[in-house]
Amino acid sequence: MKLSAPSRAIAAELLGVWGIVTVVVGSGIMAERLSDDVGLQLLANTIATTGGLVLFISLFSPVSGAQFNPVVSVAQWVAGRAHGRNVAPFIVAQVAGACLGAMTANTMFGLAAVNFSSKVRDGGPVIAGEIVAAAVLVLLIEGFIRSGRAGLLPWMVAAWITAAYWCTSSTSFANPAVSIGRSLSDTFAGIDPTSLPMFFVGQIAGGAIGYFAASLIFD
């Protein structure tokens, strides 16, 4: 059976986000089990996430553009690179992939497939961290595309997320779909579902700021 091009793109978005969230949540669980040092836990989580981002973005970019993020998908549509009818299916696939990724990681480590996180992440400084994380993410994606250097994006996205894990107060979720998935795991990478709405606000605001900045600088 051969899938149509739109179906392949949707499948790529689902599988890509599934892989990334499996890496993020799974490496967090492993890190917690190997060390009580939170700094080492974050370092291990960062290294694994960086590798996963480079891998899955490189793998699926030719199929779907490896957007993997509702904020990025909307930005691509606003920029005229994606048809409006593809945005909703992509976002659904991204959220589904994120949830399946968290469930996969939980199951691999002997936890209930779904165990909602109790890790509250709230407050103005944390939301400011999400604004910064999402703003720079969208700025760099738009900047590299508009300057004809899209081939560098797997490495540049991974580079920013690596930095943002350590320089933002929120440890850089920067992605509404991934945030939803991570709420399903009461482990190192988790987020309490009650913290999600303000994270979404920060991520959307940051995405808008990043897109506006790219439009000013690169157009």
N, C-alpha and C. Protein backbone atom coordinates (compact mmCIF):
# COMPACT_ATOMS: atom_id res chain seq x y z
N MET A 1 0.84 -1.19 0.00
CA MET A 1 0.00 0.00 0.00
C MET A 1 0.88 1.25 0.00
N LYS A 2 0.60 2.15 -0.92
CA LYS A 2 1.37 3.39 -1.02
C LYS A 2 0.51 4.56 -0.57
N LEU A 3 0.99 5.29 0.41
CA LEU A 3 0.25 6.44 0.92
C LEU A 3 0.38 7.62 -0.04
N SER A 4 -0.64 8.47 -0.04
CA SER A 4 -0.57 9.71 -0.80
C SER A 4 0.44 10.64 -0.13
N ALA A 5 0.89 11.65 -0.87
CA ALA A 5 1.87 12.60 -0.32
C ALA A 5 1.35 13.29 0.95
N PRO A 6 0.09 13.76 0.98
CA PRO A 6 -0.41 14.37 2.23
C PRO A 6 -0.43 13.39 3.40
N SER A 7 -0.80 12.14 3.12
CA SER A 7 -0.85 11.14 4.19
C SER A 7 0.55 10.82 4.70
N ARG A 8 1.51 10.75 3.78
CA ARG A 8 2.89 10.51 4.20
C ARG A 8 3.39 11.66 5.09
N ALA A 9 3.03 12.88 4.72
CA ALA A 9 3.47 14.03 5.52
C ALA A 9 2.87 13.99 6.92
N ILE A 10 1.60 13.65 7.02
CA ILE A 10 0.95 13.55 8.33
C ILE A 10 1.60 12.44 9.16
N ALA A 11 1.86 11.30 8.51
CA ALA A 11 2.51 10.19 9.22
C ALA A 11 3.90 10.59 9.69
N ALA A 12 4.62 11.35 8.86
CA ALA A 12 5.96 11.80 9.25
C ALA A 12 5.91 12.72 10.46
N GLU A 13 4.91 13.60 10.50
CA GLU A 13 4.77 14.48 11.66
C GLU A 13 4.48 13.68 12.93
N LEU A 14 3.59 12.70 12.81
CA LEU A 14 3.25 11.88 13.97
C LEU A 14 4.48 11.11 14.45
N LEU A 15 5.17 10.44 13.52
CA LEU A 15 6.31 9.61 13.91
C LEU A 15 7.47 10.46 14.43
N GLY A 16 7.68 11.62 13.82
CA GLY A 16 8.77 12.48 14.28
C GLY A 16 8.57 12.97 15.70
N VAL A 17 7.36 13.43 16.00
CA VAL A 17 7.09 13.91 17.36
C VAL A 17 7.07 12.75 18.33
N TRP A 18 6.53 11.61 17.89
CA TRP A 18 6.59 10.41 18.74
C TRP A 18 8.03 10.12 19.14
N GLY A 19 8.94 10.12 18.16
CA GLY A 19 10.33 9.81 18.45
C GLY A 19 10.96 10.81 19.40
N ILE A 20 10.71 12.08 19.16
CA ILE A 20 11.32 13.12 20.00
C ILE A 20 10.82 13.03 21.44
N VAL A 21 9.51 12.85 21.62
CA VAL A 21 8.98 12.79 22.99
C VAL A 21 9.40 11.49 23.68
N THR A 22 9.49 10.41 22.93
CA THR A 22 10.02 9.18 23.51
C THR A 22 11.43 9.42 24.05
N VAL A 23 12.25 10.12 23.29
CA VAL A 23 13.61 10.44 23.72
C VAL A 23 13.60 11.36 24.94
N VAL A 24 12.81 12.42 24.88
CA VAL A 24 12.79 13.40 25.97
C VAL A 24 12.33 12.76 27.28
N VAL A 25 11.21 12.06 27.24
CA VAL A 25 10.66 11.47 28.46
C VAL A 25 11.49 10.27 28.90
N GLY A 26 11.86 9.42 27.95
CA GLY A 26 12.63 8.23 28.30
C GLY A 26 13.98 8.56 28.89
N SER A 27 14.69 9.52 28.31
CA SER A 27 16.00 9.89 28.86
C SER A 27 15.86 10.54 30.23
N GLY A 28 14.76 11.26 30.44
CA GLY A 28 14.52 11.84 31.76
C GLY A 28 14.32 10.77 32.82
N ILE A 29 13.56 9.74 32.46
CA ILE A 29 13.34 8.64 33.41
C ILE A 29 14.65 7.92 33.71
N MET A 30 15.42 7.62 32.65
CA MET A 30 16.70 6.95 32.84
C MET A 30 17.63 7.79 33.71
N ALA A 31 17.67 9.08 33.45
CA ALA A 31 18.54 9.96 34.23
C ALA A 31 18.17 9.97 35.70
N GLU A 32 16.87 10.00 35.99
CA GLU A 32 16.42 9.98 37.39
C GLU A 32 16.85 8.69 38.08
N ARG A 33 16.86 7.60 37.33
CA ARG A 33 17.20 6.31 37.94
C ARG A 33 18.70 6.12 38.12
N LEU A 34 19.48 6.86 37.34
CA LEU A 34 20.93 6.70 37.41
C LEU A 34 21.59 7.67 38.37
N SER A 35 20.94 8.80 38.66
CA SER A 35 21.57 9.82 39.50
C SER A 35 20.52 10.61 40.26
N ASP A 36 20.90 11.03 41.47
CA ASP A 36 20.04 11.92 42.26
C ASP A 36 20.39 13.38 42.02
N ASP A 37 21.43 13.63 41.25
CA ASP A 37 21.89 14.99 40.97
C ASP A 37 21.04 15.58 39.85
N VAL A 38 20.26 16.61 40.18
CA VAL A 38 19.35 17.20 39.18
C VAL A 38 20.12 17.79 38.01
N GLY A 39 21.30 18.34 38.28
CA GLY A 39 22.11 18.89 37.20
C GLY A 39 22.53 17.82 36.21
N LEU A 40 22.95 16.67 36.73
CA LEU A 40 23.32 15.56 35.85
C LEU A 40 22.11 15.03 35.10
N GLN A 41 20.96 15.02 35.77
CA GLN A 41 19.73 14.58 35.11
C GLN A 41 19.42 15.48 33.92
N LEU A 42 19.52 16.79 34.12
CA LEU A 42 19.23 17.72 33.03
C LEU A 42 20.27 17.58 31.92
N LEU A 43 21.53 17.36 32.28
CA LEU A 43 22.57 17.19 31.27
C LEU A 43 22.30 15.96 30.41
N ALA A 44 21.96 14.85 31.05
CA ALA A 44 21.65 13.63 30.30
C ALA A 44 20.45 13.84 29.40
N ASN A 45 19.43 14.48 29.92
CA ASN A 45 18.22 14.77 29.15
C ASN A 45 18.55 15.66 27.95
N THR A 46 19.42 16.63 28.16
CA THR A 46 19.81 17.54 27.09
C THR A 46 20.54 16.81 25.97
N ILE A 47 21.51 15.98 26.33
CA ILE A 47 22.30 15.27 25.33
C ILE A 47 21.41 14.37 24.48
N ALA A 48 20.53 13.63 25.14
CA ALA A 48 19.64 12.73 24.40
C ALA A 48 18.70 13.51 23.49
N THR A 49 18.15 14.60 24.00
CA THR A 49 17.22 15.41 23.21
C THR A 49 17.90 16.00 21.98
N THR A 50 19.12 16.48 22.15
CA THR A 50 19.87 17.04 21.03
C THR A 50 20.03 16.00 19.92
N GLY A 51 20.45 14.80 20.30
CA GLY A 51 20.61 13.74 19.31
C GLY A 51 19.31 13.39 18.63
N GLY A 52 18.24 13.30 19.40
CA GLY A 52 16.94 12.96 18.83
C GLY A 52 16.45 14.01 17.86
N LEU A 53 16.65 15.28 18.18
CA LEU A 53 16.21 16.35 17.29
C LEU A 53 16.94 16.30 15.95
N VAL A 54 18.26 16.18 15.99
CA VAL A 54 19.03 16.11 14.74
C VAL A 54 18.56 14.93 13.90
N LEU A 55 18.39 13.79 14.53
CA LEU A 55 18.00 12.57 13.82
C LEU A 55 16.64 12.71 13.16
N PHE A 56 15.62 13.04 13.94
CA PHE A 56 14.25 13.01 13.41
C PHE A 56 13.97 14.18 12.46
N ILE A 57 14.57 15.34 12.71
CA ILE A 57 14.39 16.44 11.76
C ILE A 57 15.05 16.10 10.43
N SER A 58 16.25 15.54 10.48
CA SER A 58 16.94 15.15 9.25
C SER A 58 16.16 14.07 8.50
N LEU A 59 15.62 13.12 9.24
CA LEU A 59 14.92 11.99 8.62
C LEU A 59 13.65 12.42 7.90
N PHE A 60 12.85 13.26 8.55
CA PHE A 60 11.52 13.55 8.02
C PHE A 60 11.39 14.90 7.30
N SER A 61 12.44 15.70 7.27
CA SER A 61 12.36 16.98 6.56
C SER A 61 11.94 16.83 5.10
N PRO A 62 12.45 15.84 4.37
CA PRO A 62 12.04 15.73 2.96
C PRO A 62 10.58 15.35 2.77
N VAL A 63 9.94 14.82 3.81
CA VAL A 63 8.57 14.33 3.68
C VAL A 63 7.55 15.39 4.10
N SER A 64 7.77 15.99 5.26
CA SER A 64 6.78 16.94 5.81
C SER A 64 7.35 18.30 6.14
N GLY A 65 8.64 18.46 5.99
CA GLY A 65 9.29 19.67 6.47
C GLY A 65 9.68 19.57 7.93
N ALA A 66 9.34 18.43 8.56
CA ALA A 66 9.69 18.20 9.97
C ALA A 66 9.32 19.40 10.84
N GLN A 67 8.06 19.81 10.75
CA GLN A 67 7.62 20.96 11.54
C GLN A 67 7.52 20.58 13.02
N PHE A 68 6.86 19.47 13.32
CA PHE A 68 6.87 18.87 14.66
C PHE A 68 6.37 19.78 15.77
N ASN A 69 5.68 20.86 15.44
CA ASN A 69 5.33 21.86 16.45
C ASN A 69 4.18 22.70 15.92
N PRO A 70 3.05 22.75 16.62
CA PRO A 70 1.92 23.56 16.14
C PRO A 70 2.27 25.02 15.87
N VAL A 71 3.12 25.60 16.70
CA VAL A 71 3.52 26.99 16.50
C VAL A 71 4.28 27.14 15.18
N VAL A 72 5.15 26.20 14.89
CA VAL A 72 5.92 26.23 13.64
C VAL A 72 4.99 25.99 12.45
N SER A 73 4.04 25.08 12.59
CA SER A 73 3.10 24.81 11.50
C SER A 73 2.29 26.05 11.15
N VAL A 74 1.82 26.75 12.16
CA VAL A 74 1.07 27.99 11.90
C VAL A 74 1.97 29.03 11.24
N ALA A 75 3.21 29.13 11.70
CA ALA A 75 4.15 30.08 11.11
C ALA A 75 4.40 29.76 9.64
N GLN A 76 4.51 28.47 9.31
CA GLN A 76 4.71 28.07 7.92
C GLN A 76 3.51 28.44 7.06
N TRP A 77 2.33 28.31 7.63
CA TRP A 77 1.11 28.69 6.91
C TRP A 77 1.05 30.20 6.70
N VAL A 78 1.33 30.96 7.74
CA VAL A 78 1.31 32.42 7.63
C VAL A 78 2.33 32.89 6.59
N ALA A 79 3.46 32.20 6.52
CA ALA A 79 4.50 32.56 5.56
C ALA A 79 4.16 32.15 4.13
N GLY A 80 3.08 31.39 3.97
CA GLY A 80 2.67 30.96 2.64
C GLY A 80 3.36 29.72 2.14
N ARG A 81 4.03 28.98 3.04
CA ARG A 81 4.72 27.77 2.63
C ARG A 81 3.88 26.51 2.82
N ALA A 82 2.77 26.64 3.49
CA ALA A 82 1.90 25.49 3.77
C ALA A 82 0.46 25.88 3.48
N HIS A 83 -0.30 24.93 2.95
CA HIS A 83 -1.72 25.18 2.67
C HIS A 83 -2.51 25.13 3.98
N GLY A 84 -3.48 26.00 4.11
CA GLY A 84 -4.27 26.06 5.33
C GLY A 84 -4.94 24.75 5.69
N ARG A 85 -5.31 23.96 4.67
CA ARG A 85 -6.01 22.70 4.96
C ARG A 85 -5.09 21.66 5.61
N ASN A 86 -3.79 21.88 5.54
CA ASN A 86 -2.85 20.93 6.13
C ASN A 86 -2.52 21.24 7.58
N VAL A 87 -2.84 22.44 8.04
CA VAL A 87 -2.41 22.85 9.37
C VAL A 87 -3.08 22.00 10.46
N ALA A 88 -4.40 21.88 10.40
CA ALA A 88 -5.11 21.12 11.44
C ALA A 88 -4.69 19.66 11.48
N PRO A 89 -4.61 18.94 10.33
CA PRO A 89 -4.15 17.55 10.38
C PRO A 89 -2.73 17.42 10.93
N PHE A 90 -1.87 18.37 10.59
CA PHE A 90 -0.51 18.32 11.13
C PHE A 90 -0.53 18.47 12.65
N ILE A 91 -1.31 19.41 13.16
CA ILE A 91 -1.35 19.64 14.60
C ILE A 91 -1.93 18.42 15.32
N VAL A 92 -2.98 17.83 14.77
CA VAL A 92 -3.54 16.62 15.36
C VAL A 92 -2.49 15.51 15.40
N ALA A 93 -1.76 15.35 14.30
CA ALA A 93 -0.72 14.32 14.25
C ALA A 93 0.39 14.60 15.26
N GLN A 94 0.75 15.86 15.40
CA GLN A 94 1.80 16.23 16.36
C GLN A 94 1.38 15.93 17.80
N VAL A 95 0.16 16.27 18.14
CA VAL A 95 -0.33 15.99 19.50
C VAL A 95 -0.44 14.49 19.73
N ALA A 96 -0.96 13.77 18.74
CA ALA A 96 -1.07 12.31 18.88
C ALA A 96 0.31 11.69 19.04
N GLY A 97 1.26 12.14 18.23
CA GLY A 97 2.61 11.60 18.34
C GLY A 97 3.24 11.88 19.69
N ALA A 98 3.01 13.08 20.21
CA ALA A 98 3.56 13.43 21.52
C ALA A 98 2.98 12.56 22.63
N CYS A 99 1.68 12.33 22.58
CA CYS A 99 1.04 11.49 23.60
C CYS A 99 1.53 10.05 23.50
N LEU A 100 1.64 9.55 22.27
CA LEU A 100 2.13 8.18 22.08
C LEU A 100 3.59 8.06 22.51
N GLY A 101 4.38 9.11 22.29
CA GLY A 101 5.78 9.08 22.71
C GLY A 101 5.92 8.98 24.22
N ALA A 102 5.14 9.78 24.94
CA ALA A 102 5.18 9.72 26.41
C ALA A 102 4.72 8.36 26.91
N MET A 103 3.67 7.83 26.29
CA MET A 103 3.16 6.52 26.69
C MET A 103 4.18 5.43 26.40
N THR A 104 4.89 5.55 25.28
CA THR A 104 5.93 4.57 24.95
C THR A 104 7.04 4.59 25.99
N ALA A 105 7.51 5.78 26.33
CA ALA A 105 8.59 5.90 27.31
C ALA A 105 8.15 5.37 28.67
N ASN A 106 6.95 5.75 29.10
CA ASN A 106 6.44 5.26 30.38
C ASN A 106 6.41 3.73 30.40
N THR A 107 5.89 3.15 29.34
CA THR A 107 5.75 1.69 29.28
C THR A 107 7.10 1.00 29.28
N MET A 108 8.07 1.54 28.53
CA MET A 108 9.40 0.93 28.48
C MET A 108 10.04 0.84 29.85
N PHE A 109 9.74 1.81 30.71
CA PHE A 109 10.37 1.85 32.02
C PHE A 109 9.47 1.30 33.13
N GLY A 110 8.45 0.54 32.73
CA GLY A 110 7.62 -0.15 33.71
C GLY A 110 6.62 0.71 34.43
N LEU A 111 6.31 1.87 33.90
CA LEU A 111 5.31 2.75 34.50
C LEU A 111 3.98 2.60 33.78
N ALA A 112 2.92 3.08 34.41
CA ALA A 112 1.63 3.11 33.73
C ALA A 112 1.77 3.94 32.46
N ALA A 113 1.13 3.50 31.39
CA ALA A 113 1.26 4.20 30.11
C ALA A 113 0.91 5.67 30.24
N VAL A 114 -0.12 5.95 31.01
CA VAL A 114 -0.51 7.34 31.29
C VAL A 114 -0.49 7.56 32.79
N ASN A 115 0.39 8.44 33.24
CA ASN A 115 0.38 8.85 34.65
C ASN A 115 0.65 10.35 34.68
N PHE A 116 -0.43 11.09 34.85
CA PHE A 116 -0.36 12.54 34.72
C PHE A 116 0.66 13.15 35.68
N SER A 117 1.43 14.08 35.15
CA SER A 117 2.50 14.69 35.93
C SER A 117 1.96 15.57 37.05
N SER A 118 2.68 15.58 38.15
CA SER A 118 2.34 16.47 39.26
C SER A 118 3.37 17.60 39.38
N LYS A 119 4.22 17.73 38.37
CA LYS A 119 5.28 18.74 38.40
C LYS A 119 4.73 20.08 37.91
N VAL A 120 4.37 20.94 38.86
CA VAL A 120 3.81 22.25 38.52
C VAL A 120 4.93 23.16 38.02
N ARG A 121 4.68 23.76 36.89
CA ARG A 121 5.63 24.72 36.30
C ARG A 121 4.83 25.99 35.99
N ASP A 122 4.89 26.96 36.87
CA ASP A 122 4.07 28.15 36.65
C ASP A 122 4.81 29.40 37.13
N GLY A 123 4.14 30.53 37.02
CA GLY A 123 4.72 31.80 37.43
C GLY A 123 5.25 32.59 36.25
N GLY A 124 5.27 33.89 36.40
CA GLY A 124 5.71 34.77 35.33
C GLY A 124 7.09 34.47 34.78
N PRO A 125 8.09 34.24 35.63
CA PRO A 125 9.42 33.96 35.11
C PRO A 125 9.48 32.71 34.24
N VAL A 126 8.73 31.68 34.62
CA VAL A 126 8.72 30.45 33.83
C VAL A 126 8.06 30.69 32.47
N ILE A 127 6.96 31.42 32.47
CA ILE A 127 6.28 31.73 31.21
C ILE A 127 7.16 32.61 30.34
N ALA A 128 7.90 33.52 30.95
CA ALA A 128 8.85 34.33 30.19
C ALA A 128 9.88 33.44 29.50
N GLY A 129 10.29 32.38 30.20
CA GLY A 129 11.22 31.43 29.60
C GLY A 129 10.65 30.78 28.36
N GLU A 130 9.36 30.45 28.40
CA GLU A 130 8.71 29.86 27.22
C GLU A 130 8.59 30.85 26.08
N ILE A 131 8.33 32.11 26.41
CA ILE A 131 8.27 33.14 25.36
C ILE A 131 9.62 33.22 24.64
N VAL A 132 10.69 33.27 25.41
CA VAL A 132 12.03 33.35 24.82
C VAL A 132 12.33 32.10 24.00
N ALA A 133 12.03 30.93 24.56
CA ALA A 133 12.33 29.67 23.88
C ALA A 133 11.63 29.59 22.53
N ALA A 134 10.33 29.90 22.51
CA ALA A 134 9.56 29.80 21.27
C ALA A 134 9.93 30.91 20.30
N ALA A 135 10.20 32.10 20.81
CA ALA A 135 10.56 33.22 19.93
C ALA A 135 11.84 32.94 19.16
N VAL A 136 12.86 32.49 19.85
CA VAL A 136 14.12 32.20 19.17
C VAL A 136 13.96 31.02 18.22
N LEU A 137 13.18 30.02 18.62
CA LEU A 137 12.97 28.87 17.75
C LEU A 137 12.35 29.29 16.41
N VAL A 138 11.28 30.06 16.46
CA VAL A 138 10.63 30.49 15.22
C VAL A 138 11.52 31.46 14.45
N LEU A 139 12.20 32.34 15.16
CA LEU A 139 13.12 33.27 14.49
C LEU A 139 14.19 32.52 13.71
N LEU A 140 14.79 31.52 14.33
CA LEU A 140 15.87 30.82 13.64
C LEU A 140 15.35 29.99 12.47
N ILE A 141 14.18 29.36 12.64
CA ILE A 141 13.61 28.59 11.53
C ILE A 141 13.31 29.50 10.35
N GLU A 142 12.62 30.60 10.63
CA GLU A 142 12.29 31.55 9.56
C GLU A 142 13.55 32.17 8.96
N GLY A 143 14.50 32.50 9.81
CA GLY A 143 15.72 33.14 9.33
C GLY A 143 16.53 32.24 8.41
N PHE A 144 16.68 30.99 8.79
CA PHE A 144 17.46 30.08 7.95
C PHE A 144 16.73 29.74 6.66
N ILE A 145 15.41 29.61 6.71
CA ILE A 145 14.65 29.35 5.48
C ILE A 145 14.73 30.56 4.55
N ARG A 146 14.48 31.74 5.08
CA ARG A 146 14.44 32.95 4.25
C ARG A 146 15.81 33.33 3.69
N SER A 147 16.86 32.86 4.32
CA SER A 147 18.21 33.17 3.83
C SER A 147 18.80 32.02 3.01
N GLY A 148 17.96 31.03 2.68
CA GLY A 148 18.40 29.95 1.81
C GLY A 148 19.30 28.93 2.46
N ARG A 149 19.20 28.80 3.77
CA ARG A 149 20.07 27.85 4.49
C ARG A 149 19.27 26.82 5.27
N ALA A 150 18.13 26.40 4.71
CA ALA A 150 17.25 25.47 5.41
C ALA A 150 17.92 24.14 5.71
N GLY A 151 18.92 23.76 4.93
CA GLY A 151 19.61 22.50 5.17
C GLY A 151 20.32 22.43 6.50
N LEU A 152 20.57 23.57 7.11
CA LEU A 152 21.23 23.60 8.41
C LEU A 152 20.26 23.44 9.58
N LEU A 153 18.97 23.46 9.30
CA LEU A 153 17.99 23.52 10.38
C LEU A 153 18.05 22.34 11.36
N PRO A 154 18.28 21.10 10.92
CA PRO A 154 18.36 20.03 11.94
C PRO A 154 19.38 20.35 13.03
N TRP A 155 20.52 20.89 12.63
CA TRP A 155 21.57 21.20 13.60
C TRP A 155 21.28 22.48 14.36
N MET A 156 20.71 23.47 13.69
CA MET A 156 20.46 24.75 14.34
C MET A 156 19.31 24.66 15.35
N VAL A 157 18.26 23.93 15.00
CA VAL A 157 17.17 23.73 15.97
C VAL A 157 17.70 22.98 17.19
N ALA A 158 18.46 21.92 16.94
CA ALA A 158 19.03 21.17 18.06
C ALA A 158 19.97 22.03 18.90
N ALA A 159 20.73 22.90 18.23
CA ALA A 159 21.66 23.77 18.96
C ALA A 159 20.90 24.72 19.88
N TRP A 160 19.80 25.30 19.38
CA TRP A 160 19.04 26.22 20.23
C TRP A 160 18.38 25.49 21.39
N ILE A 161 17.78 24.35 21.14
CA ILE A 161 17.12 23.63 22.23
C ILE A 161 18.14 23.20 23.27
N THR A 162 19.33 22.80 22.82
CA THR A 162 20.40 22.47 23.77
C THR A 162 20.71 23.67 24.66
N ALA A 163 20.89 24.82 24.05
CA ALA A 163 21.18 26.03 24.83
C ALA A 163 20.01 26.41 25.71
N ALA A 164 18.80 26.32 25.16
CA ALA A 164 17.61 26.77 25.88
C ALA A 164 17.27 25.88 27.06
N TYR A 165 17.64 24.60 27.01
CA TYR A 165 17.44 23.74 28.17
C TYR A 165 18.12 24.34 29.40
N TRP A 166 19.23 25.03 29.16
CA TRP A 166 20.04 25.53 30.26
C TRP A 166 19.89 27.02 30.52
N CYS A 167 19.45 27.78 29.53
CA CYS A 167 19.41 29.24 29.73
C CYS A 167 18.01 29.79 29.96
N THR A 168 16.97 28.96 29.80
CA THR A 168 15.62 29.46 30.06
C THR A 168 15.09 28.91 31.38
N SER A 169 14.26 29.70 32.02
CA SER A 169 13.71 29.32 33.32
C SER A 169 12.75 28.15 33.23
N SER A 170 12.25 27.87 32.04
CA SER A 170 11.27 26.79 31.85
C SER A 170 11.91 25.50 31.35
N THR A 171 13.21 25.51 31.10
CA THR A 171 13.95 24.44 30.41
C THR A 171 13.42 24.18 29.01
N SER A 172 12.78 25.17 28.43
CA SER A 172 12.45 25.19 27.00
C SER A 172 11.60 24.03 26.52
N PHE A 173 10.30 24.13 26.77
CA PHE A 173 9.36 23.22 26.11
C PHE A 173 9.14 23.71 24.67
N ALA A 174 8.74 24.97 24.53
CA ALA A 174 8.68 25.66 23.22
C ALA A 174 7.79 24.98 22.19
N ASN A 175 6.86 24.14 22.64
CA ASN A 175 6.07 23.34 21.70
C ASN A 175 4.79 22.88 22.40
N PRO A 176 3.63 23.35 21.98
CA PRO A 176 2.38 22.94 22.64
C PRO A 176 2.11 21.44 22.57
N ALA A 177 2.41 20.81 21.44
CA ALA A 177 2.16 19.38 21.30
C ALA A 177 3.04 18.58 22.26
N VAL A 178 4.32 18.90 22.27
CA VAL A 178 5.24 18.21 23.17
C VAL A 178 4.85 18.45 24.62
N SER A 179 4.40 19.65 24.94
CA SER A 179 3.97 19.95 26.31
C SER A 179 2.82 19.04 26.72
N ILE A 180 1.86 18.84 25.82
CA ILE A 180 0.73 17.96 26.13
C ILE A 180 1.23 16.54 26.38
N GLY A 181 2.10 16.06 25.51
CA GLY A 181 2.63 14.72 25.70
C GLY A 181 3.36 14.57 27.03
N ARG A 182 4.18 15.54 27.37
CA ARG A 182 4.95 15.46 28.60
C ARG A 182 4.08 15.52 29.85
N SER A 183 2.85 16.03 29.72
CA SER A 183 1.94 16.06 30.87
C SER A 183 1.46 14.66 31.24
N LEU A 184 1.68 13.69 30.37
CA LEU A 184 1.22 12.32 30.61
C LEU A 184 2.24 11.47 31.36
N SER A 185 3.34 12.08 31.80
CA SER A 185 4.38 11.32 32.50
C SER A 185 4.80 12.04 33.77
N ASP A 186 4.57 11.42 34.90
CA ASP A 186 4.93 12.02 36.19
C ASP A 186 6.39 11.69 36.50
N THR A 187 7.26 12.19 35.64
CA THR A 187 8.70 11.91 35.75
C THR A 187 9.47 13.21 35.51
N PHE A 188 10.77 13.09 35.32
CA PHE A 188 11.64 14.26 35.23
C PHE A 188 11.16 15.29 34.20
N ALA A 189 10.75 14.84 33.04
CA ALA A 189 10.39 15.75 31.95
C ALA A 189 8.93 16.18 31.98
N GLY A 190 8.19 15.77 32.99
CA GLY A 190 6.75 16.02 33.02
C GLY A 190 6.36 17.45 33.33
N ILE A 191 5.09 17.73 33.11
CA ILE A 191 4.50 19.03 33.45
C ILE A 191 3.06 18.79 33.88
N ASP A 192 2.69 19.36 35.01
CA ASP A 192 1.31 19.22 35.50
C ASP A 192 0.34 19.79 34.46
N PRO A 193 -0.72 19.05 34.14
CA PRO A 193 -1.69 19.55 33.15
C PRO A 193 -2.23 20.94 33.46
N THR A 194 -2.30 21.30 34.74
CA THR A 194 -2.81 22.63 35.08
C THR A 194 -1.85 23.74 34.67
N SER A 195 -0.61 23.39 34.40
CA SER A 195 0.37 24.39 33.96
C SER A 195 0.32 24.62 32.45
N LEU A 196 -0.39 23.76 31.74
CA LEU A 196 -0.37 23.83 30.27
C LEU A 196 -0.93 25.13 29.69
N PRO A 197 -2.09 25.63 30.17
CA PRO A 197 -2.65 26.81 29.50
C PRO A 197 -1.69 27.99 29.43
N MET A 198 -1.00 28.30 30.51
CA MET A 198 -0.08 29.44 30.48
C MET A 198 1.16 29.13 29.63
N PHE A 199 1.56 27.87 29.60
CA PHE A 199 2.65 27.50 28.70
C PHE A 199 2.24 27.74 27.25
N PHE A 200 1.00 27.38 26.92
CA PHE A 200 0.52 27.62 25.55
C PHE A 200 0.55 29.12 25.22
N VAL A 201 0.11 29.93 26.18
CA VAL A 201 0.12 31.38 25.96
C VAL A 201 1.54 31.86 25.68
N GLY A 202 2.48 31.42 26.50
CA GLY A 202 3.87 31.82 26.30
C GLY A 202 4.43 31.35 24.97
N GLN A 203 4.12 30.12 24.61
CA GLN A 203 4.63 29.56 23.35
C GLN A 203 4.05 30.28 22.14
N ILE A 204 2.76 30.55 22.17
CA ILE A 204 2.12 31.26 21.05
C ILE A 204 2.64 32.69 20.95
N ALA A 205 2.73 33.35 22.09
CA ALA A 205 3.25 34.73 22.09
C ALA A 205 4.69 34.75 21.58
N GLY A 206 5.49 33.82 22.05
CA GLY A 206 6.88 33.75 21.60
C GLY A 206 6.98 33.49 20.11
N GLY A 207 6.14 32.57 19.62
CA GLY A 207 6.15 32.28 18.19
C GLY A 207 5.82 33.51 17.36
N ALA A 208 4.82 34.27 17.82
CA ALA A 208 4.44 35.50 17.10
C ALA A 208 5.58 36.51 17.10
N ILE A 209 6.24 36.65 18.24
CA ILE A 209 7.36 37.59 18.34
C ILE A 209 8.49 37.16 17.40
N GLY A 210 8.80 35.87 17.42
CA GLY A 210 9.87 35.37 16.57
C GLY A 210 9.57 35.55 15.09
N TYR A 211 8.31 35.32 14.71
CA TYR A 211 7.93 35.48 13.30
C TYR A 211 8.03 36.95 12.89
N PHE A 212 7.56 37.83 13.74
CA PHE A 212 7.62 39.27 13.45
C PHE A 212 9.06 39.72 13.31
N ALA A 213 9.92 39.24 14.21
CA ALA A 213 11.33 39.63 14.15
C ALA A 213 11.98 39.13 12.86
N ALA A 214 11.66 37.90 12.46
CA ALA A 214 12.22 37.36 11.22
C ALA A 214 11.75 38.17 10.01
N SER A 215 10.48 38.58 10.05
CA SER A 215 9.94 39.38 8.94
C SER A 215 10.65 40.72 8.82
N LEU A 216 10.99 41.31 9.95
CA LEU A 216 11.70 42.60 9.93
C LEU A 216 13.13 42.45 9.42
N ILE A 217 13.78 41.38 9.83
CA ILE A 217 15.21 41.24 9.57
C ILE A 217 15.51 40.61 8.22
N PHE A 218 14.73 39.61 7.83
CA PHE A 218 15.08 38.81 6.66
C PHE A 218 14.27 39.11 5.41
N ASP A 219 13.24 39.95 5.49
CA ASP A 219 12.46 40.28 4.30
C ASP A 219 12.97 41.57 3.65
